[in-house]
Amino acid sequence: MIEEKVILVNESDEPIGLMPKLEAHEKALLHRAFSVFVMNDKNEIMLQQRAAQKYHSPLLWTNTCCSHQREGENNIEAGSRRLFEEMGFKTPLKELFHFIYKAPFDNGLTEHELDHVMVGYYNAAPKINTSEVQSWKWMSIEAVKKDMQHNPGVYTVWFKIIFDKFYHFLEDHKL
């Protein structure tokens, strides 16, 4: 198995090198990432529950998919690739915005990402990859917001940060 590498970037999203994914998370170095939100025609978000065997945040709920771009891959290509690998379907994606966040985990790893947030639309059930995804569900944006306030421990650290940015983006823009 080939070791996955992330693209280290500066705060202007300019590549400055490659590093093994685990090492970048151990050293909390800024790297490029993406987060995909898939919505349906009822304005609900497709959430995934991370698989039990994931090395961090197992069984927590998060956005439809997220990961890291590979060298030579643009943001949309990366989002489309990972959406198909995890959720088993393809749909056109549109990049909405990007931002930098830093989120430490209990296991000593830290996400320090320049995150490109994308949206796509789909109305069918996914064909989940059970090595990546335990379960999935549709939830309205307002229901996610309320549930995060009442049950914050069931969501990934990064999803709570990204969802807040996504929610405020939707308030300010018509998609």
Protein backbone atom coordinates (compact mmCIF):
# COMPACT_ATOMS: atom_id res chain seq x y z
CA MET A 1 0.00 0.00 0.00
CA ILE A 2 1.35 3.41 -1.01
CA GLU A 3 1.66 5.90 1.84
CA GLU A 4 -0.71 8.81 1.29
CA LYS A 5 0.99 12.20 1.18
CA VAL A 6 -0.53 15.61 1.77
CA ILE A 7 0.38 18.87 0.08
CA LEU A 8 1.96 21.28 2.55
CA VAL A 9 0.92 24.88 1.79
CA ASN A 10 1.47 28.40 3.06
CA GLU A 11 -1.43 30.61 4.11
CA SER A 12 -1.89 31.71 0.47
CA ASP A 13 -2.48 28.05 -0.55
CA GLU A 14 0.83 27.90 -2.40
CA PRO A 15 2.41 24.40 -2.28
CA ILE A 16 5.65 24.21 -0.30
CA GLY A 17 6.19 20.45 -0.21
CA LEU A 18 4.78 16.97 0.31
CA MET A 19 4.69 14.97 3.54
CA PRO A 20 3.22 11.65 4.66
CA LYS A 21 -0.29 12.28 5.98
CA LEU A 22 0.32 10.91 9.47
CA GLU A 23 3.53 12.92 9.90
CA ALA A 24 1.77 16.16 8.86
CA HIS A 25 -0.94 15.49 11.46
CA GLU A 26 1.64 14.64 14.14
CA LYS A 27 3.55 17.88 13.46
CA ALA A 28 0.37 19.98 12.97
CA LEU A 29 1.69 21.40 9.68
CA LEU A 30 -0.62 23.39 7.41
CA HIS A 31 -1.75 21.30 4.44
CA ARG A 32 -4.39 21.40 1.72
CA ALA A 33 -7.68 19.60 2.30
CA PHE A 34 -11.27 19.62 1.12
CA SER A 35 -14.74 19.10 2.55
CA VAL A 36 -17.73 18.08 0.44
CA PHE A 37 -21.33 18.80 1.39
CA VAL A 38 -23.90 16.92 -0.72
CA MET A 39 -27.42 18.27 -0.51
CA ASN A 40 -30.73 17.01 -1.86
CA ASP A 41 -33.74 18.86 -3.28
CA LYS A 42 -35.24 19.06 0.25
CA ASN A 43 -32.25 21.19 1.34
CA GLU A 44 -30.92 18.35 3.51
CA ILE A 45 -27.24 17.45 3.94
CA MET A 46 -26.02 13.90 3.46
CA LEU A 47 -24.02 13.07 6.59
CA GLN A 48 -21.72 10.10 7.03
CA GLN A 49 -20.76 8.26 10.18
CA ARG A 50 -17.07 7.39 10.06
CA ALA A 51 -16.20 3.69 10.16
CA ALA A 52 -15.29 2.10 13.48
CA GLN A 53 -11.75 1.24 12.30
CA LYS A 54 -10.74 4.83 11.39
CA TYR A 55 -7.53 5.88 13.19
CA HIS A 56 -9.17 9.03 14.55
CA SER A 57 -12.77 10.10 15.16
CA PRO A 58 -14.29 6.64 14.62
CA LEU A 59 -18.10 6.42 14.59
CA LEU A 60 -18.52 10.21 14.69
CA TRP A 61 -20.85 11.98 12.26
CA THR A 62 -19.44 14.40 9.71
CA ASN A 63 -20.08 16.00 6.33
CA THR A 64 -20.57 13.85 3.23
CA CYS A 65 -16.84 13.37 2.72
CA CYS A 66 -13.52 15.08 3.26
CA SER A 67 -9.91 14.28 2.58
CA HIS A 68 -6.74 15.63 1.00
CA GLN A 69 -5.81 16.54 -2.55
CA ARG A 70 -3.08 14.51 -4.20
CA GLU A 71 -0.15 16.06 -6.02
CA GLY A 72 -1.30 17.27 -9.44
CA GLU A 73 -5.00 16.97 -8.58
CA ASN A 74 -7.25 20.05 -8.51
CA ASN A 75 -9.81 20.57 -5.74
CA ILE A 76 -12.85 19.42 -7.73
CA GLU A 77 -11.05 16.31 -9.02
CA ALA A 78 -10.02 15.43 -5.46
CA GLY A 79 -13.51 15.96 -4.06
CA SER A 80 -15.10 13.89 -6.84
CA ARG A 81 -12.56 11.08 -6.39
CA ARG A 82 -13.07 10.83 -2.65
CA LEU A 83 -16.86 11.16 -2.85
CA PHE A 84 -16.91 8.14 -5.16
CA GLU A 85 -14.40 6.18 -3.02
CA GLU A 86 -16.36 6.74 0.21
CA MET A 87 -19.99 7.18 -0.84
CA GLY A 88 -20.08 5.36 -4.19
CA PHE A 89 -21.57 8.03 -6.44
CA LYS A 90 -20.58 10.93 -8.64
CA THR A 91 -22.19 14.34 -8.92
CA PRO A 92 -20.88 17.70 -10.12
CA LEU A 93 -19.20 19.72 -7.37
CA LYS A 94 -18.76 23.47 -6.99
CA GLU A 95 -16.17 25.09 -4.73
CA LEU A 96 -17.75 27.67 -2.41
CA PHE A 97 -14.91 29.03 -0.26
CA HIS A 98 -11.78 28.07 1.64
CA PHE A 99 -10.41 28.86 5.08
CA ILE A 100 -7.74 27.75 7.54
CA TYR A 101 -8.49 25.92 10.77
CA LYS A 102 -6.57 24.03 13.43
CA ALA A 103 -8.16 21.27 15.51
CA PRO A 104 -6.27 18.98 17.91
CA PHE A 105 -7.49 15.43 18.64
CA ASP A 106 -7.31 13.44 21.89
CA ASN A 107 -4.80 11.04 20.29
CA GLY A 108 -2.09 13.69 19.83
CA LEU A 109 -2.77 14.35 16.15
CA THR A 110 -3.82 17.79 14.89
CA GLU A 111 -5.71 18.85 11.79
CA HIS A 112 -4.17 22.10 10.50
CA GLU A 113 -5.79 22.57 7.15
CA LEU A 114 -6.45 25.04 4.40
CA ASP A 115 -9.86 23.56 3.65
CA HIS A 116 -11.64 23.98 0.31
CA VAL A 117 -15.39 23.61 0.92
CA MET A 118 -17.50 22.25 -1.96
CA VAL A 119 -21.16 21.50 -2.55
CA GLY A 120 -22.93 19.03 -4.82
CA TYR A 121 -26.52 17.87 -5.27
CA TYR A 122 -27.83 14.31 -5.26
CA ASN A 123 -31.15 12.72 -4.34
CA ALA A 124 -30.50 8.97 -4.26
CA ALA A 125 -29.02 6.70 -1.61
CA PRO A 126 -25.23 6.29 -1.64
CA LYS A 127 -23.42 2.94 -2.01
CA ILE A 128 -21.14 3.37 1.00
CA ASN A 129 -17.66 1.88 1.28
CA THR A 130 -17.92 0.14 4.65
CA SER A 131 -14.17 0.34 5.27
CA GLU A 132 -14.59 4.14 5.34
CA VAL A 133 -18.21 4.76 6.30
CA GLN A 134 -20.32 3.07 9.00
CA SER A 135 -23.64 4.68 8.12
CA TRP A 136 -25.25 7.73 6.49
CA LYS A 137 -28.38 9.88 6.75
CA TRP A 138 -30.03 13.00 5.40
CA MET A 139 -30.54 15.86 7.88
CA SER A 140 -31.89 19.34 7.38
CA ILE A 141 -29.43 22.15 7.90
CA GLU A 142 -31.41 23.46 10.87
CA ALA A 143 -31.65 19.98 12.41
CA VAL A 144 -27.86 19.59 12.16
CA LYS A 145 -27.35 22.98 13.80
CA LYS A 146 -29.71 22.12 16.70
CA ASP A 147 -28.32 18.61 17.16
CA MET A 148 -24.75 19.94 17.30
CA GLN A 149 -25.80 22.19 20.19
CA HIS A 150 -27.46 19.33 22.08
CA ASN A 151 -25.10 16.47 21.15
CA PRO A 152 -21.72 17.98 20.20
CA GLY A 153 -19.84 14.80 21.11
CA VAL A 154 -21.34 12.78 18.23
CA TYR A 155 -19.77 15.03 15.54
CA THR A 156 -16.18 15.30 14.34
CA VAL A 157 -14.20 18.29 15.60
CA TRP A 158 -13.64 19.60 12.07
CA PHE A 159 -17.28 19.20 11.03
CA LYS A 160 -18.40 21.50 13.84
CA ILE A 161 -15.96 24.15 12.57
CA ILE A 162 -16.71 23.65 8.87
CA PHE A 163 -20.49 23.43 9.35
CA ASP A 164 -20.51 26.81 11.09
CA LYS A 165 -18.66 28.37 8.12
CA PHE A 166 -20.96 26.56 5.65
CA TYR A 167 -24.08 27.67 7.54
CA HIS A 168 -23.02 31.32 7.50
CA PHE A 169 -22.04 31.08 3.83
CA LEU A 170 -25.58 29.86 3.04
CA GLU A 171 -27.05 32.78 4.99
CA ASP A 172 -25.09 35.22 2.82
CA HIS A 173 -25.37 33.49 -0.59
CA LYS A 174 -28.00 31.83 -2.71
CA LEU A 175 -26.82 28.47 -4.05
